[in-house]
Amino acid sequence: MPKKNTLSLVIWLGLFLCVTGIYLLFQKPWEKKHVSPSIFPWSSDEVVFLSRTFNKTNEIEYIAFQRFDNEWFMVSPIKEKAHPELLHRLLDNLNRITSEQAFVVSDETKWQEYGFSPYLYRFVISNTQGETFTLDIGSISVGQNYYYVRINNSPTNYQVYTFNLVDLVQDRGEYLWPDIFDIPFDNLEKVLFFFQGKKIVELHTNAGGWEMVYPENRLLTNFSVKSLLLDFYPIQADHFVTFGLSPSLLRQYGLSSPRYGVIFVGQGRSNTLWVGTLSKDGFLHAYSHEKQGIFAVSESEIISKWITQASQLTK
């Protein structure tokens, strides 16, 4: 019996050593995994207001967005629909912000060394419960790998990779609604085209369909007009240059006497687009009476639609 007990003990000891060896083979007990903590406490569906203050050189730039039902609007500096894709990317980006490293800065005067004097960007965000969250972004690290981030004026300095904040630091004009033409085609009643300050084509609808009333009177096929006008609907503002439409700004961007113009009328309202000079980055400057600012549009789209398309009606 003692021999059998000894043999059993040896067998069990051998099995234990085997299992322990296999476990140690596949584990790294001395390596601690670093889990990046999430900084933003809510889901994007809970957010109802978001503002951003940007301390530019010699200027403080402020924008704010608010959700009405399920639709987001820019409410400052102007009231306008927000660009749906970019704004939702911004909100989703908040949930993905994680800290790669964090350290405590207990001396308030030391914060200026990290770009908090008081900050580069400040986000103030409110949720459906009326709670408020503040996120400040300071300077970029020496290696330009991450931004310094502070939340709710706490003493913790978070380091967040720069690519995680790309959607939060876009130019404010990027967040505006880009569509220019939104009157449903079947509700259009009148369309006018202009070139170099002069009206070149005017179209009206009647009981039988479309007709040209300028530069001559003649009936047009619905197919030809539809193929022409629907080609304008995809035109969008690529980005906004300024939120102002003062006479001096219009002169600055070659819009006092626009080179191209179009007016769509229907449903008791209008869609307009006026296009001026070529910008340094290859876009054309433009504005619309229905939008509060000067924006950029694609040169190739504008030229093809005014010269190639609209001119077909005058033949």
C-alpha atoms as a PDB file:
ATOM      1  CA  MET A   1       0.000   0.000   0.000  1.00  0.00           C
ATOM      2  CA  PRO A   2       2.736   2.514   0.799  1.00  0.00           C
ATOM      3  CA  LYS A   3       4.296   1.841  -2.612  1.00  0.00           C
ATOM      4  CA  LYS A   4       0.989   2.435  -4.347  1.00  0.00           C
ATOM      5  CA  ASN A   5       0.466   5.664  -2.414  1.00  0.00           C
ATOM      6  CA  THR A   6       3.966   6.818  -3.325  1.00  0.00           C
ATOM      7  CA  LEU A   7       3.364   5.988  -6.986  1.00  0.00           C
ATOM      8  CA  SER A   8       0.055   7.845  -7.004  1.00  0.00           C
ATOM      9  CA  LEU A   9       1.713  10.848  -5.391  1.00  0.00           C
ATOM     10  CA  VAL A  10       4.471  10.842  -8.010  1.00  0.00           C
ATOM     11  CA  ILE A  11       1.889  10.600 -10.827  1.00  0.00           C
ATOM     12  CA  TRP A  12      -0.190  13.473  -9.435  1.00  0.00           C
ATOM     13  CA  LEU A  13       2.937  15.571  -8.864  1.00  0.00           C
ATOM     14  CA  GLY A  14       4.015  14.925 -12.458  1.00  0.00           C
ATOM     15  CA  LEU A  15       0.600  15.960 -13.792  1.00  0.00           C
ATOM     16  CA  PHE A  16       0.688  19.119 -11.683  1.00  0.00           C
ATOM     17  CA  LEU A  17       4.125  20.071 -12.983  1.00  0.00           C
ATOM     18  CA  CYS A  18       2.990  19.395 -16.563  1.00  0.00           C
ATOM     19  CA  VAL A  19      -0.088  21.601 -16.268  1.00  0.00           C
ATOM     20  CA  THR A  20       1.927  24.348 -14.550  1.00  0.00           C
ATOM     21  CA  GLY A  21       4.546  24.225 -17.318  1.00  0.00           C
ATOM     22  CA  ILE A  22       1.916  24.538 -20.044  1.00  0.00           C
ATOM     23  CA  TYR A  23       0.296  27.466 -18.217  1.00  0.00           C
ATOM     24  CA  LEU A  24       3.610  29.298 -17.821  1.00  0.00           C
ATOM     25  CA  LEU A  25       4.467  28.641 -21.447  1.00  0.00           C
ATOM     26  CA  PHE A  26       1.470  30.604 -22.678  1.00  0.00           C
ATOM     27  CA  GLN A  27       1.409  33.328 -20.061  1.00  0.00           C
ATOM     28  CA  LYS A  28       3.623  36.371 -19.403  1.00  0.00           C
ATOM     29  CA  PRO A  29       3.059  36.931 -15.693  1.00  0.00           C
ATOM     30  CA  TRP A  30       5.479  39.856 -15.465  1.00  0.00           C
ATOM     31  CA  GLU A  31       4.007  41.873 -18.333  1.00  0.00           C
ATOM     32  CA  LYS A  32       1.208  44.195 -17.297  1.00  0.00           C
ATOM     33  CA  LYS A  33      -1.242  45.102 -20.042  1.00  0.00           C
ATOM     34  CA  HIS A  34      -1.946  48.783 -20.369  1.00  0.00           C
ATOM     35  CA  VAL A  35      -5.646  49.515 -20.941  1.00  0.00           C
ATOM     36  CA  SER A  36      -6.322  53.047 -22.179  1.00  0.00           C
ATOM     37  CA  PRO A  37      -9.123  54.605 -20.126  1.00  0.00           C
ATOM     38  CA  SER A  38     -11.962  56.344 -21.936  1.00  0.00           C
ATOM     39  CA  ILE A  39     -12.132  60.061 -21.225  1.00  0.00           C
ATOM     40  CA  PHE A  40     -15.677  60.951 -22.343  1.00  0.00           C
ATOM     41  CA  PRO A  41     -18.375  59.591 -19.983  1.00  0.00           C
ATOM     42  CA  TRP A  42     -21.502  59.538 -22.219  1.00  0.00           C
ATOM     43  CA  SER A  43     -22.680  57.988 -25.464  1.00  0.00           C
ATOM     44  CA  SER A  44     -23.143  60.278 -28.474  1.00  0.00           C
ATOM     45  CA  ASP A  45     -26.925  59.702 -28.308  1.00  0.00           C
ATOM     46  CA  GLU A  46     -27.015  61.475 -24.934  1.00  0.00           C
ATOM     47  CA  VAL A  47     -25.399  64.684 -26.227  1.00  0.00           C
ATOM     48  CA  VAL A  48     -27.772  67.585 -26.985  1.00  0.00           C
ATOM     49  CA  PHE A  49     -25.372  70.563 -27.039  1.00  0.00           C
ATOM     50  CA  LEU A  50     -21.731  71.034 -27.961  1.00  0.00           C
ATOM     51  CA  SER A  51     -19.642  74.194 -28.193  1.00  0.00           C
ATOM     52  CA  ARG A  52     -16.017  74.756 -29.141  1.00  0.00           C
ATOM     53  CA  THR A  53     -13.861  77.745 -28.310  1.00  0.00           C
ATOM     54  CA  PHE A  54     -10.636  78.081 -30.306  1.00  0.00           C
ATOM     55  CA  ASN A  55      -7.929  80.459 -29.114  1.00  0.00           C
ATOM     56  CA  LYS A  56      -6.507  81.473 -32.482  1.00  0.00           C
ATOM     57  CA  THR A  57      -3.744  84.043 -32.805  1.00  0.00           C
ATOM     58  CA  ASN A  58      -5.285  87.448 -31.995  1.00  0.00           C
ATOM     59  CA  GLU A  59      -8.804  85.987 -32.211  1.00  0.00           C
ATOM     60  CA  ILE A  60     -11.144  83.778 -30.198  1.00  0.00           C
ATOM     61  CA  GLU A  61     -13.342  81.650 -32.446  1.00  0.00           C
ATOM     62  CA  TYR A  62     -16.562  80.173 -31.058  1.00  0.00           C
ATOM     63  CA  ILE A  63     -18.999  77.684 -32.588  1.00  0.00           C
ATOM     64  CA  ALA A  64     -21.918  75.845 -31.005  1.00  0.00           C
ATOM     65  CA  PHE A  65     -24.253  73.048 -32.069  1.00  0.00           C
ATOM     66  CA  GLN A  66     -27.585  71.995 -30.646  1.00  0.00           C
ATOM     67  CA  ARG A  67     -29.808  69.020 -31.325  1.00  0.00           C
ATOM     68  CA  PHE A  68     -33.475  69.680 -32.029  1.00  0.00           C
ATOM     69  CA  ASP A  69     -35.347  66.364 -32.001  1.00  0.00           C
ATOM     70  CA  ASN A  70     -32.955  64.208 -34.034  1.00  0.00           C
ATOM     71  CA  GLU A  71     -31.452  66.954 -36.208  1.00  0.00           C
ATOM     72  CA  TRP A  72     -28.309  68.946 -35.415  1.00  0.00           C
ATOM     73  CA  PHE A  73     -27.961  72.670 -36.146  1.00  0.00           C
ATOM     74  CA  MET A  74     -25.107  75.105 -35.806  1.00  0.00           C
ATOM     75  CA  VAL A  75     -26.552  77.779 -33.518  1.00  0.00           C
ATOM     76  CA  SER A  76     -23.512  80.071 -33.295  1.00  0.00           C
ATOM     77  CA  PRO A  77     -22.127  82.122 -34.992  1.00  0.00           C
ATOM     78  CA  ILE A  78     -25.037  81.503 -37.396  1.00  0.00           C
ATOM     79  CA  LYS A  79     -28.166  79.334 -37.435  1.00  0.00           C
ATOM     80  CA  GLU A  80     -27.728  76.668 -40.107  1.00  0.00           C
ATOM     81  CA  LYS A  81     -28.079  72.924 -40.503  1.00  0.00           C
ATOM     82  CA  ALA A  82     -24.945  71.083 -39.454  1.00  0.00           C
ATOM     83  CA  HIS A  83     -23.061  68.836 -41.854  1.00  0.00           C
ATOM     84  CA  PRO A  84     -24.516  65.428 -40.869  1.00  0.00           C
ATOM     85  CA  GLU A  85     -21.457  63.301 -41.606  1.00  0.00           C
ATOM     86  CA  LEU A  86     -18.811  65.524 -40.007  1.00  0.00           C
ATOM     87  CA  LEU A  87     -20.838  66.334 -36.908  1.00  0.00           C
ATOM     88  CA  HIS A  88     -21.653  62.692 -36.241  1.00  0.00           C
ATOM     89  CA  ARG A  89     -18.004  61.830 -36.779  1.00  0.00           C
ATOM     90  CA  LEU A  90     -17.142  64.465 -34.189  1.00  0.00           C
ATOM     91  CA  LEU A  91     -19.626  63.007 -31.695  1.00  0.00           C
ATOM     92  CA  ASP A  92     -18.472  59.445 -32.323  1.00  0.00           C
ATOM     93  CA  ASN A  93     -14.879  60.593 -31.955  1.00  0.00           C
ATOM     94  CA  LEU A  94     -15.598  61.813 -28.423  1.00  0.00           C
ATOM     95  CA  ASN A  95     -16.487  58.260 -27.394  1.00  0.00           C
ATOM     96  CA  ARG A  96     -13.261  56.901 -28.848  1.00  0.00           C
ATOM     97  CA  ILE A  97     -10.902  59.317 -27.113  1.00  0.00           C
ATOM     98  CA  THR A  98      -8.594  57.374 -24.839  1.00  0.00           C
ATOM     99  CA  SER A  99      -5.585  58.406 -22.813  1.00  0.00           C
ATOM    100  CA  GLU A 100      -2.275  56.760 -23.631  1.00  0.00           C
ATOM    101  CA  GLN A 101      -0.610  58.237 -20.554  1.00  0.00           C
ATOM    102  CA  ALA A 102      -1.672  60.470 -17.704  1.00  0.00           C
ATOM    103  CA  PHE A 103       0.077  62.366 -14.926  1.00  0.00           C
ATOM    104  CA  VAL A 104      -0.938  64.816 -12.244  1.00  0.00           C
ATOM    105  CA  VAL A 105      -0.065  68.514 -12.476  1.00  0.00           C
ATOM    106  CA  SER A 106      -0.841  69.760  -8.990  1.00  0.00           C
ATOM    107  CA  ASP A 107       0.711  73.216  -9.428  1.00  0.00           C
ATOM    108  CA  GLU A 108      -1.786  75.296 -11.425  1.00  0.00           C
ATOM    109  CA  THR A 109       0.958  77.570 -12.758  1.00  0.00           C
ATOM    110  CA  LYS A 110       2.623  74.587 -14.445  1.00  0.00           C
ATOM    111  CA  TRP A 111      -0.323  74.003 -16.784  1.00  0.00           C
ATOM    112  CA  GLN A 112       0.831  76.781 -19.113  1.00  0.00           C
ATOM    113  CA  GLU A 113       3.844  74.607 -20.013  1.00  0.00           C
ATOM    114  CA  TYR A 114       1.402  72.209 -21.699  1.00  0.00           C
ATOM    115  CA  GLY A 115      -0.480  74.841 -23.698  1.00  0.00           C
ATOM    116  CA  PHE A 116      -3.143  75.646 -21.108  1.00  0.00           C
ATOM    117  CA  SER A 117      -2.971  79.382 -20.822  1.00  0.00           C
ATOM    118  CA  PRO A 118      -5.808  78.817 -20.615  1.00  0.00           C
ATOM    119  CA  TYR A 119      -6.168  76.293 -23.548  1.00  0.00           C
ATOM    120  CA  LEU A 120      -6.002  75.901 -27.318  1.00  0.00           C
ATOM    121  CA  TYR A 121      -9.497  74.386 -27.698  1.00  0.00           C
ATOM    122  CA  ARG A 122     -12.279  74.122 -25.148  1.00  0.00           C
ATOM    123  CA  PHE A 123     -15.326  71.879 -25.633  1.00  0.00           C
ATOM    124  CA  VAL A 124     -18.391  72.318 -23.422  1.00  0.00           C
ATOM    125  CA  ILE A 125     -20.842  69.454 -23.856  1.00  0.00           C
ATOM    126  CA  SER A 126     -24.278  68.907 -22.289  1.00  0.00           C
ATOM    127  CA  ASN A 127     -26.402  65.768 -22.163  1.00  0.00           C
ATOM    128  CA  THR A 128     -30.108  64.991 -21.929  1.00  0.00           C
ATOM    129  CA  GLN A 129     -29.907  65.080 -18.114  1.00  0.00           C
ATOM    130  CA  GLY A 130     -28.625  68.661 -18.079  1.00  0.00           C
ATOM    131  CA  GLU A 131     -25.132  67.605 -17.015  1.00  0.00           C
ATOM    132  CA  THR A 132     -22.104  69.462 -18.417  1.00  0.00           C
ATOM    133  CA  PHE A 133     -18.686  68.143 -19.373  1.00  0.00           C
ATOM    134  CA  THR A 134     -15.669  70.316 -20.228  1.00  0.00           C
ATOM    135  CA  LEU A 135     -12.738  69.086 -22.307  1.00  0.00           C
ATOM    136  CA  ASP A 136      -9.716  71.342 -22.866  1.00  0.00           C
ATOM    137  CA  ILE A 137      -7.015  70.651 -25.438  1.00  0.00           C
ATOM    138  CA  GLY A 138      -3.583  72.168 -24.957  1.00  0.00           C
ATOM    139  CA  SER A 139      -0.473  72.065 -27.096  1.00  0.00           C
ATOM    140  CA  ILE A 140       1.018  69.190 -29.085  1.00  0.00           C
ATOM    141  CA  SER A 141       3.891  67.248 -27.533  1.00  0.00           C
ATOM    142  CA  VAL A 142       7.480  67.819 -28.691  1.00  0.00           C
ATOM    143  CA  GLY A 143       7.358  64.702 -30.858  1.00  0.00           C
ATOM    144  CA  GLN A 144       3.917  65.774 -32.179  1.00  0.00           C
ATOM    145  CA  ASN A 145       2.485  62.385 -31.293  1.00  0.00           C
ATOM    146  CA  TYR A 146      -0.222  63.547 -28.937  1.00  0.00           C
ATOM    147  CA  TYR A 147      -2.180  66.489 -27.517  1.00  0.00           C
ATOM    148  CA  TYR A 148      -2.325  67.331 -23.832  1.00  0.00           C
ATOM    149  CA  VAL A 149      -5.929  67.115 -22.609  1.00  0.00           C
ATOM    150  CA  ARG A 150      -7.605  68.254 -19.402  1.00  0.00           C
ATOM    151  CA  ILE A 151     -11.181  67.488 -18.342  1.00  0.00           C
ATOM    152  CA  ASN A 152     -13.388  69.477 -15.976  1.00  0.00           C
ATOM    153  CA  ASN A 153     -10.332  71.460 -14.755  1.00  0.00           C
ATOM    154  CA  SER A 154      -9.033  68.380 -12.944  1.00  0.00           C
ATOM    155  CA  PRO A 155      -5.316  68.081 -12.018  1.00  0.00           C
ATOM    156  CA  THR A 156      -4.843  65.126 -14.386  1.00  0.00           C
ATOM    157  CA  ASN A 157      -3.040  65.795 -17.662  1.00  0.00           C
ATOM    158  CA  TYR A 158      -4.016  63.205 -20.271  1.00  0.00           C
ATOM    159  CA  GLN A 159      -1.955  62.520 -23.370  1.00  0.00           C
ATOM    160  CA  VAL A 160      -4.137  61.666 -26.384  1.00  0.00           C
ATOM    161  CA  TYR A 161      -2.803  60.664 -29.788  1.00  0.00           C
ATOM    162  CA  THR A 162      -3.283  63.491 -32.298  1.00  0.00           C
ATOM    163  CA  PHE A 163      -5.105  61.318 -34.850  1.00  0.00           C
ATOM    164  CA  ASN A 164      -7.792  60.616 -32.231  1.00  0.00           C
ATOM    165  CA  LEU A 165      -8.703  64.319 -32.192  1.00  0.00           C
ATOM    166  CA  VAL A 166      -8.693  65.077 -35.939  1.00  0.00           C
ATOM    167  CA  ASP A 167     -12.488  65.375 -36.183  1.00  0.00           C
ATOM    168  CA  LEU A 168     -12.606  67.699 -33.161  1.00  0.00           C
ATOM    169  CA  VAL A 169     -10.247  70.342 -34.546  1.00  0.00           C
ATOM    170  CA  GLN A 170     -11.607  70.782 -38.098  1.00  0.00           C
ATOM    171  CA  ASP A 171     -12.141  74.300 -39.396  1.00  0.00           C
ATOM    172  CA  ARG A 172     -15.568  75.485 -38.232  1.00  0.00           C
ATOM    173  CA  GLY A 173     -16.749  75.987 -41.811  1.00  0.00           C
ATOM    174  CA  GLU A 174     -16.418  72.253 -42.410  1.00  0.00           C
ATOM    175  CA  TYR A 175     -19.341  71.570 -40.086  1.00  0.00           C
ATOM    176  CA  LEU A 176     -21.952  73.535 -42.045  1.00  0.00           C
ATOM    177  CA  TRP A 177     -24.653  71.901 -44.175  1.00  0.00           C
ATOM    178  CA  PRO A 178     -23.141  71.586 -47.669  1.00  0.00           C
ATOM    179  CA  ASP A 179     -26.271  71.271 -49.850  1.00  0.00           C
ATOM    180  CA  ILE A 180     -27.190  74.278 -51.994  1.00  0.00           C
ATOM    181  CA  PHE A 181     -30.159  73.059 -54.046  1.00  0.00           C
ATOM    182  CA  ASP A 182     -32.919  71.359 -52.072  1.00  0.00           C
ATOM    183  CA  ILE A 183     -36.221  72.397 -53.699  1.00  0.00           C
ATOM    184  CA  PRO A 184     -37.710  69.132 -55.039  1.00  0.00           C
ATOM    185  CA  PHE A 185     -37.420  69.078 -58.821  1.00  0.00           C
ATOM    186  CA  ASP A 186     -41.154  68.476 -59.316  1.00  0.00           C
ATOM    187  CA  ASN A 187     -41.882  71.676 -57.361  1.00  0.00           C
ATOM    188  CA  LEU A 188     -39.662  73.967 -59.436  1.00  0.00           C
ATOM    189  CA  GLU A 189     -41.539  76.802 -61.162  1.00  0.00           C
ATOM    190  CA  LYS A 190     -38.805  78.993 -62.573  1.00  0.00           C
ATOM    191  CA  VAL A 191     -35.054  78.787 -63.258  1.00  0.00           C
ATOM    192  CA  LEU A 192     -32.701  81.589 -64.311  1.00  0.00           C
ATOM    193  CA  PHE A 193     -29.072  81.316 -65.455  1.00  0.00           C
ATOM    194  CA  PHE A 194     -26.582  84.206 -65.454  1.00  0.00           C
ATOM    195  CA  PHE A 195     -23.141  84.588 -67.015  1.00  0.00           C
ATOM    196  CA  GLN A 196     -20.836  87.576 -66.425  1.00  0.00           C
ATOM    197  CA  GLY A 197     -23.641  89.530 -64.795  1.00  0.00           C
ATOM    198  CA  LYS A 198     -26.187  89.013 -67.576  1.00  0.00           C
ATOM    199  CA  LYS A 199     -29.197  86.744 -67.711  1.00  0.00           C
ATOM    200  CA  ILE A 200     -28.680  84.156 -70.438  1.00  0.00           C
ATOM    201  CA  VAL A 201     -31.573  81.734 -69.897  1.00  0.00           C
ATOM    202  CA  GLU A 202     -34.953  81.843 -68.130  1.00  0.00           C
ATOM    203  CA  LEU A 203     -37.218  78.810 -67.891  1.00  0.00           C
ATOM    204  CA  HIS A 204     -40.790  78.526 -66.607  1.00  0.00           C
ATOM    205  CA  THR A 205     -43.180  75.648 -66.037  1.00  0.00           C
ATOM    206  CA  ASN A 206     -46.662  75.658 -67.509  1.00  0.00           C
ATOM    207  CA  ALA A 207     -49.577  73.241 -67.702  1.00  0.00           C
ATOM    208  CA  GLY A 208     -47.862  71.242 -70.436  1.00  0.00           C
ATOM    209  CA  GLY A 209     -44.362  71.207 -68.982  1.00  0.00           C
ATOM    210  CA  TRP A 210     -41.328  73.480 -69.387  1.00  0.00           C
ATOM    211  CA  GLU A 211     -40.861  76.438 -71.692  1.00  0.00           C
ATOM    212  CA  MET A 212     -38.084  78.930 -72.347  1.00  0.00           C
ATOM    213  CA  VAL A 213     -39.145  82.576 -71.985  1.00  0.00           C
ATOM    214  CA  TYR A 214     -35.680  84.090 -72.518  1.00  0.00           C
ATOM    215  CA  PRO A 215     -33.733  84.621 -74.785  1.00  0.00           C
ATOM    216  CA  GLU A 216     -36.628  83.295 -76.891  1.00  0.00           C
ATOM    217  CA  ASN A 217     -40.033  81.740 -76.396  1.00  0.00           C
ATOM    218  CA  ARG A 218     -40.261  78.026 -77.146  1.00  0.00           C
ATOM    219  CA  LEU A 219     -41.445  74.817 -75.575  1.00  0.00           C
ATOM    220  CA  LEU A 220     -38.906  72.380 -74.165  1.00  0.00           C
ATOM    221  CA  THR A 221     -39.145  68.662 -73.540  1.00  0.00           C
ATOM    222  CA  ASN A 222     -39.413  67.697 -69.901  1.00  0.00           C
ATOM    223  CA  PHE A 223     -36.613  65.176 -70.390  1.00  0.00           C
ATOM    224  CA  SER A 224     -34.122  67.772 -71.625  1.00  0.00           C
ATOM    225  CA  VAL A 225     -34.893  70.186 -68.773  1.00  0.00           C
ATOM    226  CA  LYS A 226     -34.858  67.481 -66.137  1.00  0.00           C
ATOM    227  CA  SER A 227     -31.499  66.110 -67.266  1.00  0.00           C
ATOM    228  CA  LEU A 228     -30.089  69.652 -67.152  1.00  0.00           C
ATOM    229  CA  LEU A 229     -31.469  70.817 -63.813  1.00  0.00           C
ATOM    230  CA  LEU A 230     -30.931  67.603 -61.871  1.00  0.00           C
ATOM    231  CA  ASP A 231     -27.258  67.909 -62.765  1.00  0.00           C
ATOM    232  CA  PHE A 232     -27.057  70.926 -60.455  1.00  0.00           C
ATOM    233  CA  TYR A 233     -28.353  69.199 -57.322  1.00  0.00           C
ATOM    234  CA  PRO A 234     -25.100  67.358 -56.490  1.00  0.00           C
ATOM    235  CA  ILE A 235     -23.208  70.684 -56.294  1.00  0.00           C
ATOM    236  CA  GLN A 236     -22.190  71.250 -52.681  1.00  0.00           C
ATOM    237  CA  ALA A 237     -20.140  73.705 -50.671  1.00  0.00           C
ATOM    238  CA  ASP A 238     -16.758  72.057 -50.244  1.00  0.00           C
ATOM    239  CA  HIS A 239     -15.901  74.265 -47.271  1.00  0.00           C
ATOM    240  CA  PHE A 240     -16.803  77.702 -45.916  1.00  0.00           C
ATOM    241  CA  VAL A 241     -14.275  80.520 -46.187  1.00  0.00           C
ATOM    242  CA  THR A 242     -16.115  83.055 -44.034  1.00  0.00           C
ATOM    243  CA  PHE A 243     -19.456  83.461 -42.286  1.00  0.00           C
ATOM    244  CA  GLY A 244     -19.844  87.078 -43.396  1.00  0.00           C
ATOM    245  CA  LEU A 245     -21.471  88.508 -46.542  1.00  0.00           C
ATOM    246  CA  SER A 246     -20.533  92.166 -46.222  1.00  0.00           C
ATOM    247  CA  PRO A 247     -19.941  94.207 -49.405  1.00  0.00           C
ATOM    248  CA  SER A 248     -16.203  94.332 -48.667  1.00  0.00           C
ATOM    249  CA  LEU A 249     -16.023  90.523 -48.373  1.00  0.00           C
ATOM    250  CA  LEU A 250     -17.960  90.088 -51.616  1.00  0.00           C
ATOM    251  CA  ARG A 251     -15.482  92.376 -53.361  1.00  0.00           C
ATOM    252  CA  GLN A 252     -12.538  90.522 -51.806  1.00  0.00           C
ATOM    253  CA  TYR A 253     -13.689  87.198 -53.236  1.00  0.00           C
ATOM    254  CA  GLY A 254     -14.787  88.473 -56.637  1.00  0.00           C
ATOM    255  CA  LEU A 255     -18.477  88.200 -55.814  1.00  0.00           C
ATOM    256  CA  SER A 256     -19.581  91.820 -56.270  1.00  0.00           C
ATOM    257  CA  SER A 257     -20.061  90.943 -59.946  1.00  0.00           C
ATOM    258  CA  PRO A 258     -20.269  87.123 -59.990  1.00  0.00           C
ATOM    259  CA  ARG A 259     -19.137  85.326 -63.117  1.00  0.00           C
ATOM    260  CA  TYR A 260     -21.797  82.615 -62.861  1.00  0.00           C
ATOM    261  CA  GLY A 261     -25.240  82.604 -61.267  1.00  0.00           C
ATOM    262  CA  VAL A 262     -28.341  80.444 -61.052  1.00  0.00           C
ATOM    263  CA  ILE A 263     -31.696  80.873 -59.315  1.00  0.00           C
ATOM    264  CA  PHE A 264     -34.136  78.025 -58.691  1.00  0.00           C
ATOM    265  CA  VAL A 265     -37.657  79.089 -57.596  1.00  0.00           C
ATOM    266  CA  GLY A 266     -40.394  76.860 -56.165  1.00  0.00           C
ATOM    267  CA  GLN A 267     -42.460  76.144 -53.055  1.00  0.00           C
ATOM    268  CA  GLY A 268     -42.508  79.874 -52.331  1.00  0.00           C
ATOM    269  CA  ARG A 269     -38.745  80.030 -51.842  1.00  0.00           C
ATOM    270  CA  SER A 270     -35.506  80.036 -53.814  1.00  0.00           C
ATOM    271  CA  ASN A 271     -32.140  78.299 -54.105  1.00  0.00           C
ATOM    272  CA  THR A 272     -29.366  80.547 -55.421  1.00  0.00           C
ATOM    273  CA  LEU A 273     -25.708  80.143 -56.250  1.00  0.00           C
ATOM    274  CA  TRP A 274     -23.327  82.934 -57.264  1.00  0.00           C
ATOM    275  CA  VAL A 275     -19.741  82.124 -58.233  1.00  0.00           C
ATOM    276  CA  GLY A 276     -16.726  84.417 -58.441  1.00  0.00           C
ATOM    277  CA  THR A 277     -12.945  84.131 -58.514  1.00  0.00           C
ATOM    278  CA  LEU A 278     -10.635  81.135 -58.357  1.00  0.00           C
ATOM    279  CA  SER A 279      -9.018  80.543 -54.962  1.00  0.00           C
ATOM    280  CA  LYS A 280      -5.396  79.616 -54.310  1.00  0.00           C
ATOM    281  CA  ASP A 281      -6.334  76.006 -53.567  1.00  0.00           C
ATOM    282  CA  GLY A 282      -8.088  75.517 -56.921  1.00  0.00           C
ATOM    283  CA  PHE A 283     -11.684  76.099 -55.818  1.00  0.00           C
ATOM    284  CA  LEU A 284     -14.078  78.821 -56.924  1.00  0.00           C
ATOM    285  CA  HIS A 285     -15.416  81.254 -54.334  1.00  0.00           C
ATOM    286  CA  ALA A 286     -19.205  81.327 -54.140  1.00  0.00           C
ATOM    287  CA  TYR A 287     -22.150  82.381 -51.998  1.00  0.00           C
ATOM    288  CA  SER A 288     -25.879  81.797 -51.756  1.00  0.00           C
ATOM    289  CA  HIS A 289     -28.594  84.170 -50.559  1.00  0.00           C
ATOM    290  CA  GLU A 290     -29.955  81.295 -48.475  1.00  0.00           C
ATOM    291  CA  LYS A 291     -26.665  80.658 -46.662  1.00  0.00           C
ATOM    292  CA  GLN A 292     -24.763  82.966 -44.361  1.00  0.00           C
ATOM    293  CA  GLY A 293     -21.251  82.902 -45.688  1.00  0.00           C
ATOM    294  CA  ILE A 294     -18.811  82.580 -48.561  1.00  0.00           C
ATOM    295  CA  PHE A 295     -17.830  79.038 -49.496  1.00  0.00           C
ATOM    296  CA  ALA A 296     -15.776  77.123 -52.056  1.00  0.00           C
ATOM    297  CA  VAL A 297     -17.148  74.993 -54.911  1.00  0.00           C
ATOM    298  CA  SER A 298     -15.513  72.748 -57.494  1.00  0.00           C
ATOM    299  CA  GLU A 299     -14.287  74.626 -60.548  1.00  0.00           C
ATOM    300  CA  SER A 300     -14.826  71.660 -62.898  1.00  0.00           C
ATOM    301  CA  GLU A 301     -18.434  71.180 -61.776  1.00  0.00           C
ATOM    302  CA  ILE A 302     -19.355  74.825 -62.183  1.00  0.00           C
ATOM    303  CA  ILE A 303     -17.764  75.313 -65.594  1.00  0.00           C
ATOM    304  CA  SER A 304     -19.244  72.133 -67.057  1.00  0.00           C
ATOM    305  CA  LYS A 305     -22.729  72.926 -65.812  1.00  0.00           C
ATOM    306  CA  TRP A 306     -22.884  76.584 -66.841  1.00  0.00           C
ATOM    307  CA  ILE A 307     -20.978  76.498 -70.084  1.00  0.00           C
ATOM    308  CA  THR A 308     -21.746  73.012 -71.373  1.00  0.00           C
ATOM    309  CA  GLN A 309     -25.224  72.411 -69.975  1.00  0.00           C
ATOM    310  CA  ALA A 310     -26.985  75.773 -69.765  1.00  0.00           C
ATOM    311  CA  SER A 311     -25.641  76.897 -73.132  1.00  0.00           C
ATOM    312  CA  GLN A 312     -27.346  73.935 -74.785  1.00  0.00           C
ATOM    313  CA  LEU A 313     -30.717  75.570 -74.211  1.00  0.00           C
ATOM    314  CA  THR A 314     -29.770  78.662 -76.199  1.00  0.00           C
ATOM    315  CA  LYS A 315     -28.995  76.726 -79.375  1.00  0.00           C
END
